[in-house]
Protein backbone atom coordinates (compact mmCIF):
# COMPACT_ATOMS: atom_id res chain seq x y z
CA MET A 1 -7.12 -13.18 -23.89
CA THR A 2 -4.83 -10.54 -22.41
CA ARG A 3 -1.61 -11.18 -20.61
CA ARG A 4 -3.30 -10.32 -17.37
CA ILE A 5 -5.87 -12.98 -17.76
CA ALA A 6 -3.41 -15.66 -18.66
CA SER A 7 -1.14 -14.83 -15.75
CA GLY A 8 -3.72 -14.12 -13.16
CA ILE A 9 -2.09 -10.78 -12.57
CA ALA A 10 -5.41 -9.21 -13.02
CA VAL A 11 -6.58 -8.06 -9.80
CA GLY A 12 -9.24 -8.52 -7.32
CA MET A 13 -10.27 -6.28 -4.62
CA PHE A 14 -12.91 -4.67 -2.65
CA LEU A 15 -15.42 -5.89 -0.16
CA LEU A 16 -16.06 -5.64 3.42
CA LEU A 17 -17.10 -9.31 2.88
CA PRO A 18 -16.32 -12.00 5.40
CA ALA A 19 -13.51 -14.39 5.00
CA VAL A 20 -15.94 -17.21 4.13
CA ILE A 21 -19.40 -16.94 2.68
CA SER A 22 -21.52 -19.94 1.81
CA PRO A 23 -21.67 -20.68 -1.88
CA VAL A 24 -24.78 -19.49 -3.76
CA PRO A 25 -26.41 -20.73 -6.94
CA ALA A 26 -24.59 -19.37 -9.98
CA ASN A 27 -27.79 -18.10 -11.54
CA GLY A 28 -29.65 -17.29 -8.31
CA SER A 29 -31.82 -14.35 -7.77
CA THR A 30 -31.76 -11.69 -5.11
CA SER A 31 -34.34 -9.55 -3.43
CA ARG A 32 -32.03 -6.54 -3.36
CA ALA A 33 -32.94 -3.78 -5.82
CA LEU A 34 -30.49 -2.89 -8.50
CA PRO A 35 -29.36 0.40 -6.83
CA ASP A 36 -28.49 -1.57 -3.67
CA LYS A 37 -25.74 -3.46 -5.57
CA VAL A 38 -24.80 -0.97 -8.29
CA ALA A 39 -22.83 2.24 -7.73
CA PRO A 40 -24.61 5.38 -8.96
CA GLU A 41 -21.58 6.19 -11.12
CA VAL A 42 -22.12 2.88 -13.00
CA LEU A 43 -25.82 3.77 -13.69
CA ALA A 44 -24.67 7.12 -15.12
CA GLU A 45 -21.77 5.72 -17.13
CA THR A 46 -23.79 2.85 -18.76
CA SER A 47 -26.55 5.09 -19.86
CA GLN A 48 -24.61 5.83 -23.05
CA GLY A 49 -23.39 2.32 -23.83
CA ARG A 50 -20.88 -0.30 -22.68
CA VAL A 51 -18.12 0.66 -20.20
CA PRO A 52 -15.82 -1.41 -18.03
CA VAL A 53 -17.34 -2.12 -14.57
CA VAL A 54 -15.93 -4.02 -11.61
CA VAL A 55 -18.00 -7.01 -10.44
CA PHE A 56 -17.29 -8.36 -6.99
CA LEU A 57 -18.41 -11.83 -6.05
CA ASP A 58 -19.96 -12.69 -2.68
CA ASP A 59 -17.90 -15.77 -2.01
CA GLN A 60 -14.33 -14.79 -0.89
CA ALA A 61 -11.58 -17.26 0.03
CA ASP A 62 -10.84 -18.05 3.65
CA LEU A 63 -7.15 -17.49 4.37
CA SER A 64 -7.23 -17.77 8.14
CA ALA A 65 -4.95 -20.85 8.09
CA ALA A 66 -2.15 -18.73 6.70
CA LEU A 67 -1.80 -16.73 9.92
CA GLY A 68 -0.37 -19.64 11.89
CA MET A 69 2.03 -20.95 9.21
CA LYS A 70 5.66 -20.84 10.28
CA ASP A 71 7.17 -21.92 6.95
CA GLN A 72 6.98 -18.65 5.07
CA ASP A 73 7.44 -20.10 1.60
CA ALA A 74 4.67 -22.46 2.30
CA ARG A 75 2.56 -19.55 3.55
CA GLY A 76 3.03 -17.62 0.37
CA TRP A 77 2.15 -20.59 -1.83
CA TYR A 78 -0.85 -21.45 0.26
CA VAL A 79 -2.30 -17.91 0.03
CA TYR A 80 -1.64 -17.84 -3.77
CA THR A 81 -3.10 -21.30 -4.62
CA THR A 82 -6.04 -20.87 -2.30
CA LEU A 83 -6.98 -17.53 -3.85
CA ARG A 84 -6.47 -18.73 -7.40
CA GLN A 85 -8.34 -22.00 -7.05
CA HIS A 86 -11.23 -20.32 -5.18
CA ALA A 87 -11.66 -17.76 -7.95
CA GLU A 88 -11.56 -20.37 -10.69
CA ARG A 89 -14.20 -22.43 -8.95
CA THR A 90 -16.62 -19.74 -7.81
CA GLN A 91 -16.39 -17.62 -11.00
CA ALA A 92 -17.33 -20.54 -13.26
CA GLY A 93 -21.07 -19.80 -13.29
CA LEU A 94 -20.58 -16.10 -13.88
CA ARG A 95 -18.09 -16.71 -16.69
CA ALA A 96 -20.49 -19.09 -18.38
CA PHE A 97 -23.26 -16.45 -18.11
CA LEU A 98 -21.00 -13.73 -19.57
CA ASP A 99 -19.88 -16.05 -22.43
CA ALA A 100 -23.52 -16.74 -23.27
CA GLU A 101 -24.17 -12.94 -23.30
CA GLY A 102 -21.13 -12.41 -25.59
CA ALA A 103 -19.63 -9.99 -23.00
CA SER A 104 -15.92 -9.23 -22.78
CA TYR A 105 -14.45 -9.71 -19.29
CA GLN A 106 -11.22 -10.23 -17.30
CA SER A 107 -10.94 -12.50 -14.25
CA TYR A 108 -9.00 -11.75 -11.10
CA TRP A 109 -8.03 -13.96 -8.10
CA ALA A 110 -6.29 -11.80 -5.47
CA ALA A 111 -9.82 -10.85 -4.46
CA ASN A 112 -12.73 -12.61 -6.17
CA MET A 113 -13.78 -10.11 -8.91
CA MET A 114 -14.05 -9.56 -12.61
CA ILE A 115 -13.94 -6.55 -15.01
CA VAL A 116 -16.86 -6.69 -17.39
CA ASP A 117 -17.64 -4.49 -20.41
CA ALA A 118 -21.35 -3.84 -19.64
CA ASP A 119 -24.23 -1.68 -20.72
CA ARG A 120 -27.25 -0.82 -18.54
CA ARG A 121 -29.09 -4.02 -19.50
CA LEU A 122 -26.17 -6.24 -18.54
CA VAL A 123 -25.60 -4.41 -15.29
CA GLY A 124 -29.19 -5.11 -14.37
CA LEU A 125 -28.72 -8.80 -15.04
CA LEU A 126 -25.49 -8.88 -13.08
CA SER A 127 -27.11 -7.13 -10.14
CA ALA A 128 -29.92 -9.77 -10.10
CA ARG A 129 -27.41 -12.61 -9.49
CA SER A 130 -26.92 -13.74 -5.89
CA ASP A 131 -23.29 -14.55 -6.56
CA VAL A 132 -22.61 -10.89 -7.30
CA ALA A 133 -22.05 -8.61 -4.28
CA GLN A 134 -21.39 -5.28 -5.87
CA VAL A 135 -20.96 -3.59 -9.29
CA ASP A 136 -18.64 -0.52 -9.13
CA SER A 137 -17.12 1.88 -11.56
CA ASN A 138 -13.61 1.53 -12.91
CA ARG A 139 -13.20 4.88 -14.70
CA PRO A 140 -10.24 7.02 -13.64
CA LEU A 141 -11.57 10.53 -13.13
CA ARG A 142 -9.09 12.24 -10.84
CA TRP A 143 -5.78 13.91 -11.25
CA ILE A 144 -2.70 13.48 -9.16
CA GLU A 145 -2.93 16.16 -6.56
CA GLU A 146 -5.54 17.55 -4.24
CA PRO A 147 -5.22 21.35 -5.01
CA SER A 148 -5.78 22.37 -1.43
CA ALA A 149 -3.01 20.17 -0.03
CA PRO A 150 -0.24 22.47 1.29
CA VAL A 151 3.26 21.40 0.54
CA LEU A 152 6.66 22.97 1.37
CA ARG A 153 10.06 22.88 -0.23
CA ALA A 154 13.47 23.15 1.54
CA ARG A 155 15.84 25.32 -0.38
CA PRO A 156 19.05 23.18 -0.36
CA GLN A 157 19.14 20.58 -3.18
CA SER A 158 22.72 19.38 -2.67
CA PRO A 159 23.68 16.32 -0.65
CA ARG A 160 23.19 16.59 3.12
CA VAL A 161 24.97 13.28 3.94
CA VAL A 162 21.95 11.96 5.89
CA GLU A 163 18.62 13.48 5.22
CA TRP A 164 16.76 15.03 8.20
CA GLY A 165 13.84 12.52 8.04
CA VAL A 166 16.16 9.55 8.02
CA MET A 167 17.89 10.99 11.12
CA ASN A 168 14.56 11.87 12.72
CA VAL A 169 13.45 8.21 12.79
CA ASN A 170 16.84 7.21 14.27
CA ALA A 171 17.82 4.99 11.32
CA PRO A 172 21.60 5.82 11.51
CA SER A 173 21.73 4.59 15.05
CA VAL A 174 20.44 1.23 13.83
CA TRP A 175 22.94 1.24 10.95
CA ALA A 176 25.65 1.67 13.53
CA THR A 177 24.69 -1.72 14.98
CA GLY A 178 25.34 -3.37 11.59
CA PHE A 179 21.80 -3.47 10.24
CA THR A 180 20.78 -1.48 7.25
CA GLY A 181 17.94 -3.55 5.99
CA GLN A 182 19.90 -6.54 4.67
CA GLY A 183 17.78 -9.42 3.54
CA ILE A 184 14.58 -7.34 3.27
CA VAL A 185 12.71 -6.63 0.05
CA ILE A 186 10.32 -3.56 -0.08
CA ALA A 187 7.78 -3.15 -2.84
CA ASP A 188 6.67 0.31 -3.91
CA LEU A 189 3.24 0.60 -5.67
CA ASP A 190 3.17 4.01 -7.24
CA THR A 191 3.69 5.98 -10.47
CA GLY A 192 6.64 3.73 -11.30
CA ILE A 193 10.34 4.04 -10.55
CA ARG A 194 13.35 5.36 -12.48
CA TRP A 195 15.43 2.26 -11.77
CA THR A 196 18.58 3.63 -13.26
CA HIS A 197 18.75 6.54 -10.76
CA ALA A 198 22.12 6.61 -9.05
CA ALA A 199 20.49 6.36 -5.56
CA LEU A 200 18.27 3.40 -6.56
CA LYS A 201 20.03 1.24 -9.12
CA ASP A 202 22.27 -0.71 -6.77
CA HIS A 203 19.32 -1.34 -4.41
CA TYR A 204 17.06 -2.89 -7.08
CA ARG A 205 16.54 -6.59 -6.70
CA GLY A 206 16.66 -6.87 -10.48
CA TRP A 207 20.21 -5.58 -10.75
CA ASN A 208 23.19 -7.73 -9.86
CA GLY A 209 25.80 -5.12 -10.48
CA THR A 210 26.38 -6.10 -14.12
CA THR A 211 23.09 -7.05 -15.74
CA ALA A 212 19.41 -6.39 -15.14
CA ASP A 213 16.64 -8.99 -14.87
CA HIS A 214 13.26 -7.40 -14.44
CA ASN A 215 11.39 -10.74 -14.19
CA TYR A 216 9.67 -11.00 -10.79
CA ASN A 217 10.90 -7.56 -9.88
CA TRP A 218 8.66 -5.21 -11.90
CA HIS A 219 5.15 -5.14 -13.28
CA ASP A 220 3.22 -2.42 -15.17
CA ALA A 221 -0.49 -2.32 -14.50
CA ILE A 222 -1.05 0.38 -17.08
CA HIS A 223 -2.23 -1.30 -20.27
CA ALA A 224 -3.90 1.62 -21.99
CA ALA A 225 -2.81 5.21 -21.85
CA ILE A 226 -2.67 8.30 -24.02
CA ALA A 227 0.70 10.12 -24.44
CA ASN A 228 2.33 8.44 -21.45
CA PRO A 229 6.08 8.91 -21.31
CA CYS A 230 6.45 5.26 -20.18
CA GLY A 231 3.96 3.96 -22.75
CA THR A 232 2.05 0.90 -21.64
CA ASP A 233 3.12 -2.46 -20.31
CA ALA A 234 6.64 -1.09 -19.72
CA PRO A 235 9.15 -4.02 -19.68
CA PHE A 236 11.36 -2.31 -17.16
CA PRO A 237 10.79 0.01 -14.21
CA CYS A 238 9.72 3.46 -15.51
CA ASP A 239 8.22 6.48 -13.76
CA ASP A 240 5.79 8.67 -15.65
CA ASN A 241 5.42 11.22 -12.83
CA GLY A 242 8.35 11.22 -10.39
CA HIS A 243 6.32 10.47 -7.25
CA GLY A 244 7.27 6.78 -7.15
CA THR A 245 10.94 7.39 -7.59
CA HIS A 246 10.77 9.81 -4.67
CA THR A 247 8.99 7.39 -2.36
CA THR A 248 11.30 4.51 -3.29
CA GLY A 249 14.28 6.69 -2.59
CA THR A 250 13.03 7.30 0.93
CA THR A 251 12.61 3.62 1.68
CA SER A 252 16.09 2.46 0.51
CA GLY A 253 17.96 5.05 -1.55
CA ASP A 254 21.68 5.92 -1.32
CA ASP A 255 24.02 6.82 -4.12
CA GLY A 256 27.15 6.27 -2.09
CA LEU A 257 28.18 9.90 -2.75
CA GLY A 258 26.46 11.75 0.03
CA ASN A 259 22.77 11.39 -0.95
CA GLN A 260 21.75 9.21 1.98
CA ILE A 261 18.06 9.57 1.37
CA GLY A 262 16.85 6.09 2.37
CA VAL A 263 15.95 4.68 5.79
CA ALA A 264 17.02 1.16 4.88
CA PRO A 265 19.76 1.43 2.23
CA GLY A 266 20.70 -2.26 2.73
CA ALA A 267 17.23 -3.38 1.67
CA LYS A 268 16.25 -4.27 -1.96
CA TRP A 269 13.24 -2.88 -3.78
CA ILE A 270 10.86 -4.03 -6.43
CA GLY A 271 7.98 -2.10 -7.96
CA CYS A 272 4.67 -1.91 -9.82
CA ARG A 273 3.17 1.04 -11.62
CA ASN A 274 -0.42 1.32 -10.50
CA MET A 275 -1.20 4.82 -11.88
CA ASP A 276 -1.21 6.46 -15.27
CA GLN A 277 0.55 9.75 -14.53
CA GLY A 278 -1.09 9.95 -11.14
CA THR A 279 -4.54 8.55 -12.02
CA GLY A 280 -5.44 5.05 -10.87
CA THR A 281 -8.45 2.79 -10.66
CA PRO A 282 -9.50 0.04 -8.26
CA VAL A 283 -8.29 -2.51 -10.88
CA THR A 284 -4.77 -0.94 -11.36
CA TYR A 285 -4.31 -0.77 -7.61
CA THR A 286 -5.38 -4.34 -7.14
CA GLU A 287 -3.34 -5.69 -10.07
CA CYS A 288 -0.19 -4.42 -8.36
CA PHE A 289 -1.20 -6.02 -5.06
CA GLN A 290 -1.77 -9.26 -6.92
CA PHE A 291 1.69 -8.98 -8.46
CA ILE A 292 3.40 -8.66 -5.12
CA ILE A 293 1.46 -11.57 -3.59
CA ALA A 294 2.75 -13.79 -6.41
CA PRO A 295 5.41 -12.01 -8.58
CA THR A 296 5.62 -13.23 -12.16
CA ASP A 297 7.94 -13.02 -15.15
CA LEU A 298 7.56 -10.15 -17.60
CA ASN A 299 5.09 -12.15 -19.60
CA GLY A 300 2.87 -12.44 -16.59
CA LEU A 301 3.48 -16.13 -16.31
CA ASN A 302 5.09 -18.56 -13.80
CA PRO A 303 4.04 -16.87 -10.57
CA ASN A 304 6.36 -17.46 -7.67
CA PRO A 305 5.03 -16.36 -4.19
CA SER A 306 8.45 -17.19 -2.68
CA LEU A 307 9.71 -13.96 -4.28
CA ARG A 308 7.02 -11.80 -2.77
CA PRO A 309 8.35 -8.79 -0.74
CA LEU A 310 8.15 -8.41 3.01
CA VAL A 311 6.93 -4.81 3.05
CA VAL A 312 4.83 -2.76 0.63
CA ASN A 313 4.58 1.04 0.58
CA ASN A 314 1.36 2.70 -0.63
CA SER A 315 1.67 6.44 -0.94
CA TRP A 316 -1.69 6.94 -2.61
CA THR A 317 -5.42 6.81 -1.89
CA CYS A 318 -8.44 5.72 -3.92
CA PRO A 319 -11.31 8.29 -3.56
CA VAL A 320 -14.85 7.94 -4.77
CA SER A 321 -13.92 9.70 -8.02
CA GLU A 322 -11.56 6.90 -8.93
CA GLY A 323 -14.15 4.16 -8.46
CA CYS A 324 -13.86 3.45 -4.71
CA THR A 325 -17.46 4.39 -4.24
CA THR A 326 -18.34 2.11 -1.31
CA ARG A 327 -14.85 2.35 0.21
CA ALA A 328 -14.89 -1.39 0.54
CA GLU A 329 -13.28 -1.89 -2.87
CA LEU A 330 -9.69 -2.63 -1.73
CA GLU A 331 -10.36 -4.21 1.72
CA THR A 332 -10.22 -7.77 0.65
CA ILE A 333 -7.04 -7.41 -1.35
CA VAL A 334 -5.30 -5.57 1.45
CA ASN A 335 -6.39 -8.22 3.97
CA ASN A 336 -5.17 -10.98 1.58
CA THR A 337 -1.85 -9.20 1.11
CA GLN A 338 -1.40 -9.10 4.88
CA ALA A 339 -2.42 -12.82 5.10
CA ALA A 340 0.55 -13.54 2.77
CA GLY A 341 2.85 -12.01 5.37
CA ILE A 342 3.40 -8.72 3.66
CA PHE A 343 3.44 -5.60 5.93
CA VAL A 344 1.09 -2.98 4.32
CA VAL A 345 2.04 0.67 4.96
CA GLY A 346 -0.26 3.43 3.75
CA ALA A 347 -0.38 7.19 3.63
CA ALA A 348 -3.02 8.92 5.75
CA GLY A 349 -3.84 11.41 3.00
CA ASN A 350 -3.49 15.14 2.82
CA SER A 351 -7.00 16.32 3.72
CA GLY A 352 -6.29 17.51 7.29
CA PRO A 353 -6.55 19.10 9.72
CA ALA A 354 -10.27 18.25 10.20
CA CYS A 355 -11.20 15.02 12.04
CA SER A 356 -12.14 11.90 10.08
CA THR A 357 -10.15 12.96 7.07
CA VAL A 358 -8.45 9.60 6.82
CA ALA A 359 -11.37 8.79 4.55
CA ASP A 360 -10.21 6.75 1.54
CA PRO A 361 -8.82 3.30 0.87
CA PRO A 362 -6.41 1.88 1.70
CA ALA A 363 -5.73 4.16 4.67
CA ILE A 364 -9.02 3.48 6.32
CA TYR A 365 -8.53 -0.25 6.70
CA SER A 366 -7.50 -2.12 9.80
CA ALA A 367 -4.87 -4.11 7.92
CA THR A 368 -3.16 -0.94 6.70
CA PHE A 369 -0.54 0.66 8.98
CA THR A 370 -1.54 4.24 8.32
CA THR A 371 1.01 7.05 8.61
CA GLY A 372 0.57 10.74 9.27
CA ALA A 373 3.16 13.44 8.49
CA ILE A 374 5.31 15.62 10.78
CA ASP A 375 7.83 18.34 10.08
CA ILE A 376 11.32 18.86 11.31
CA THR A 377 10.19 20.36 14.61
CA ASN A 378 8.10 17.23 15.28
CA THR A 379 4.87 19.19 14.69
CA LEU A 380 2.03 17.43 12.95
CA ALA A 381 1.60 18.87 9.46
CA GLY A 382 -1.62 20.77 8.98
CA PHE A 383 -2.37 18.74 5.82
CA SER A 384 -1.95 15.38 7.47
CA GLY A 385 -5.17 13.37 7.54
CA ARG A 386 -6.83 12.70 10.90
CA GLY A 387 -8.93 9.87 12.17
CA PRO A 388 -10.85 8.10 13.24
CA SER A 389 -11.70 5.85 10.31
CA THR A 390 -15.47 5.87 10.12
CA TYR A 391 -15.42 2.79 7.85
CA TYR A 392 -15.86 0.49 10.87
CA THR A 393 -18.27 0.44 13.78
CA PRO A 394 -16.90 1.26 16.32
CA ASN A 395 -14.68 3.70 14.56
CA LEU A 396 -11.00 2.79 14.24
CA LEU A 397 -8.00 4.67 15.47
CA LYS A 398 -6.14 6.31 12.54
CA PRO A 399 -3.37 7.08 11.84
CA GLU A 400 -1.46 4.52 13.95
CA ILE A 401 1.82 6.30 13.64
CA SER A 402 3.51 9.37 12.10
CA ALA A 403 6.84 10.08 10.33
CA PRO A 404 8.70 12.91 8.51
CA GLY A 405 6.53 14.20 5.69
CA VAL A 406 7.37 17.92 5.26
CA ALA A 407 10.23 19.07 3.00
CA VAL A 408 11.53 15.58 2.39
CA ARG A 409 14.39 15.39 -0.11
CA SER A 410 14.66 12.31 -2.28
CA ALA A 411 15.22 11.06 -5.80
CA THR A 412 13.09 12.14 -8.81
CA PHE A 413 12.70 11.00 -12.36
CA ALA A 414 14.13 13.93 -14.26
CA SER A 415 17.56 12.29 -14.58
CA ASP A 416 19.76 9.64 -12.97
CA ASN A 417 21.14 12.27 -10.60
CA ALA A 418 18.01 14.43 -9.94
CA TYR A 419 16.66 15.12 -6.48
CA THR A 420 13.68 17.17 -5.32
CA THR A 421 11.95 18.09 -2.06
CA GLN A 422 8.31 17.22 -1.59
CA SER A 423 5.78 17.19 1.30
CA GLY A 424 2.81 15.00 2.09
CA THR A 425 1.85 11.85 3.93
CA SER A 426 3.13 10.21 0.73
CA MET A 427 6.61 11.16 1.96
CA ALA A 428 5.93 9.96 5.50
CA ALA A 429 4.78 6.41 4.68
CA PRO A 430 8.04 5.24 3.14
CA HIS A 431 9.93 6.30 6.24
CA VAL A 432 7.81 3.77 8.10
CA ALA A 433 8.30 1.09 5.44
CA GLY A 434 12.09 1.55 5.84
CA VAL A 435 11.80 1.26 9.62
CA VAL A 436 9.97 -2.08 9.32
CA ALA A 437 12.89 -3.18 7.03
CA LEU A 438 15.46 -2.17 9.71
CA LEU A 439 13.55 -3.91 12.49
CA TRP A 440 13.14 -7.14 10.54
CA SER A 441 16.74 -7.03 9.39
CA ALA A 442 18.00 -6.65 13.01
CA ARG A 443 15.37 -8.86 14.62
CA PRO A 444 14.54 -11.60 12.01
CA GLN A 445 12.51 -13.55 14.54
CA PHE A 446 9.68 -11.06 13.73
CA LEU A 447 9.84 -11.53 9.96
CA ARG A 448 6.25 -11.52 8.55
CA ASP A 449 4.80 -11.43 12.12
CA ILE A 450 2.56 -8.48 11.26
CA ALA A 451 0.63 -8.20 14.50
CA ALA A 452 3.71 -8.33 16.69
CA THR A 453 5.53 -5.80 14.52
CA LYS A 454 2.72 -3.32 14.63
CA THR A 455 2.63 -3.63 18.41
CA ILE A 456 6.36 -3.02 18.65
CA LEU A 457 6.22 0.08 16.43
CA GLU A 458 3.30 1.50 18.43
CA ASN A 459 4.83 0.78 21.82
CA THR A 460 8.13 2.34 20.91
CA ALA A 461 6.86 5.43 19.04
CA ASN A 462 7.98 8.79 20.40
CA PRO A 463 4.87 10.55 21.66
CA ALA A 464 6.51 14.00 21.66
CA VAL A 465 4.56 15.26 18.65
CA THR A 466 2.92 18.72 18.74
CA VAL A 467 -0.49 19.39 17.35
CA ASN A 468 -1.09 23.04 16.80
CA PRO A 469 -3.77 23.83 17.70
CA ALA A 470 -4.64 20.92 19.89
CA GLN A 471 -7.77 18.98 18.79
CA THR A 472 -10.07 16.25 19.86
CA CYS A 473 -10.98 13.72 17.17
CA GLY A 474 -13.15 10.68 17.89
CA SER A 475 -13.57 11.87 21.55
CA THR A 476 -9.79 11.54 22.04
CA SER A 477 -7.63 14.60 22.74
CA SER A 478 -4.43 15.05 20.85
CA THR A 479 -2.70 15.19 24.21
CA THR A 480 -3.76 11.55 24.92
CA ILE A 481 -1.65 8.70 23.59
CA PRO A 482 -2.73 7.20 21.20
CA ASN A 483 -4.94 9.70 19.48
CA ASN A 484 -6.55 10.22 16.11
CA SER A 485 -4.27 13.07 15.17
CA PHE A 486 -0.89 11.38 15.07
CA GLY A 487 -1.52 7.89 16.49
CA TYR A 488 1.07 6.61 18.95
CA GLY A 489 3.70 9.14 17.91
CA ARG A 490 6.75 9.44 15.69
CA VAL A 491 8.19 6.11 14.45
CA ASP A 492 11.56 5.31 16.08
CA ALA A 493 13.76 2.69 14.48
CA LEU A 494 16.28 2.40 17.24
CA ALA A 495 13.72 2.20 20.03
CA ALA A 496 11.90 -0.49 18.13
CA VAL A 497 15.04 -2.61 17.66
CA ASN A 498 16.14 -2.13 21.29
CA SER A 499 12.76 -3.06 22.65
CA VAL A 500 13.18 -6.74 21.68
CA PRO A 501 16.15 -9.08 22.26
CA SER A 502 18.61 -10.04 19.61
CA PRO A 503 18.06 -13.56 18.23
CA THR A 504 20.51 -16.22 19.45
CA PRO A 505 22.94 -16.58 17.78
CA THR A 506 23.16 -13.13 16.21
CA PRO A 507 22.86 -13.49 12.47
CA THR A 508 25.57 -12.33 10.14
CA ALA A 509 24.51 -9.19 8.36
CA THR A 510 24.65 -10.34 4.70
CA SER A 511 22.63 -9.04 1.81
CA THR A 512 20.23 -11.31 -0.07
CA SER A 513 18.13 -10.69 -3.13
CA THR A 514 15.10 -12.63 -2.03
CA PRO A 515 13.05 -12.80 1.15
CA THR A 516 14.44 -15.14 3.82
CA SER A 517 12.04 -17.95 4.89
CA THR A 518 12.32 -17.46 8.62
CA PRO A 519 9.79 -18.93 11.16
CA THR A 520 7.52 -16.38 12.68
CA SER A 521 5.55 -16.39 15.87
CA THR A 522 1.82 -16.98 15.53
CA PRO A 523 -0.03 -13.67 15.27
CA THR A 524 -2.78 -12.85 17.76
CA ILE A 525 -6.23 -12.40 16.33
CA THR A 526 -8.57 -9.81 17.75
CA PRO A 527 -12.37 -9.85 17.73
CA THR A 528 -14.05 -8.95 14.49
CA VAL A 529 -15.05 -5.46 13.64
CA THR A 530 -18.52 -4.93 12.17
CA ARG A 531 -19.58 -2.38 9.57
CA THR A 532 -23.07 -0.87 10.18
CA ALA A 533 -23.81 -0.60 6.48
CA THR A 534 -23.65 -4.38 6.00
CA PRO A 535 -24.53 -7.54 7.88
CA PHE A 536 -21.06 -8.91 7.04
CA THR A 537 -18.14 -8.93 9.43
CA VAL A 538 -14.41 -8.36 8.85
CA ALA A 539 -11.65 -10.12 10.81
CA VAL A 540 -8.81 -7.77 11.75
CA PRO A 541 -5.42 -8.36 13.30
CA VAL A 542 -4.28 -6.95 16.62
CA PRO A 543 -3.63 -3.68 16.45
CA THR A 544 12.18 6.64 23.58
CA LEU A 545 14.34 7.95 21.93
CA SER A 546 13.76 11.61 21.06
CA PHE A 547 15.68 13.10 18.11
CA PRO A 548 16.92 16.67 18.59
CA VAL A 549 15.28 19.40 16.61
CA LEU A 550 17.48 20.61 13.77
CA ALA A 551 16.76 24.31 14.03
CA LEU A 552 19.14 25.29 11.34
CA LEU A 553 17.44 23.13 8.75
CA ALA A 554 13.98 24.22 9.94
CA ALA A 555 14.82 27.65 8.59
CA THR A 556 15.17 26.35 5.10
CA LEU A 557 11.46 25.47 4.79
CA ALA A 558 9.95 27.73 2.12
CA VAL A 559 8.11 27.32 -1.11
CA ALA A 560 5.54 24.78 -2.27
CA SER A 561 6.38 21.57 -4.06
CA PRO A 562 4.08 20.60 -6.93
CA LEU A 563 3.92 16.85 -6.47
CA LEU A 564 1.73 14.82 -4.14
CA ILE A 565 -0.23 11.74 -5.09
CA ARG A 566 -3.94 12.03 -4.37
CA ARG A 567 -4.07 12.96 -0.72
CA GLY A 568 -1.08 10.63 -0.30
């Protein structure tokens, strides 16, 4: 039995399934034909023998009670125990069947699913079970970058004091009020992180200034790899590509020597490697989500949801070629992550400028706060993915917001003092994650109140974003606010903080290594959104200041940067 099975850090995901589905017989039959439940990729892959496939169960846990819980530690434990117990109970029949078949498998709880080594015959048997909703591929087939995604590089590589993107979202103005993200923990799910980097080390929750403790602060979801510089099951934060170090730097990096690259330098970060040198699968993505819902020690044991982060940045997408064949694969896990009170930020992808190019998980989901990319002139980047999300009926506004994503300078993995400039919505998303940290640090009455926080960020976004040429996506012109080109506008940290009153009394700005258990207001729940491709429904939550254009820096935009995570 692997460490993942013992710890439950395995991972569950997909499904546009409802929060609660009536239990079904463990060995029941179904009238649906095999192709209706089985992805075409699985049929092709199993024609030559056994391969790992992802099996999603129909019966998913109901976490609706978590939304009204004011004790945040209790909320975290409730989500974890409910998911774990539900999976153990409802997977019993399927596990017994697989044991009788002599099949190898791994169980996950964050969404109710299993990874099974199956051939064509076993896939057919699985698809005939009424407790099985879908059988999908889990083979990584895609490399890190979409070749057509345009990226730019700014020439200067030396410290700029405060990076243009950090200034563009008005972060320094919030710092001036005494709030830099203190008390907030941000998770970064990516290619890993070079934790010893000068701009990151002092901001790592696992570092106390003298010694490192990676328990509950780091997890590696890569358990098998060929010639990976980080190896597998890395016992400390390691980055095999550089992308994750860059995005983490944008959320909270600062070396104290002039490289002010992070939006919330007072926040702490934790991380999980969910890709093997840029290639992920539904399982590696979900395993990292599961880790942040209930962080564990390095042995994958003793989960403690009280140590979960408040914000998670996802600068990646899961296309069909990586196993997200139905696009529903990650919806349940993202919904469950939000139910735990974790704000999910995602990149819109780099497949613009056409409409409906926000097309892959997790950007397409209602629970994900999806981010487009702008440049230093507040013009929407040509590569930035556009909405609407066609995953739902009616279609969903995407992206909700935009942030700096062109020629963004941040840390990289080459050395402890290396920096590079990259472009993409991957670079925009961590700006938003940092802004959430600033808002919650300054206004702790909104901690883990996801619905209210989204509304604040949308209502205070600066709409002065240029789309060139103007376009109409989803019957909404880019001159209308909100729209499916850049959402509500450019995220604005100061406007967000100033839009709500300070708590009384004003809290002392002190740093803490763990999330603070602060009562939150009860989120508002909106009507359900219905997919046309399925009879199931999905419950979704409720959905200035202008910064001057830095013309001098704009002139530095030049050559292409080689790194962007899959449309992220």
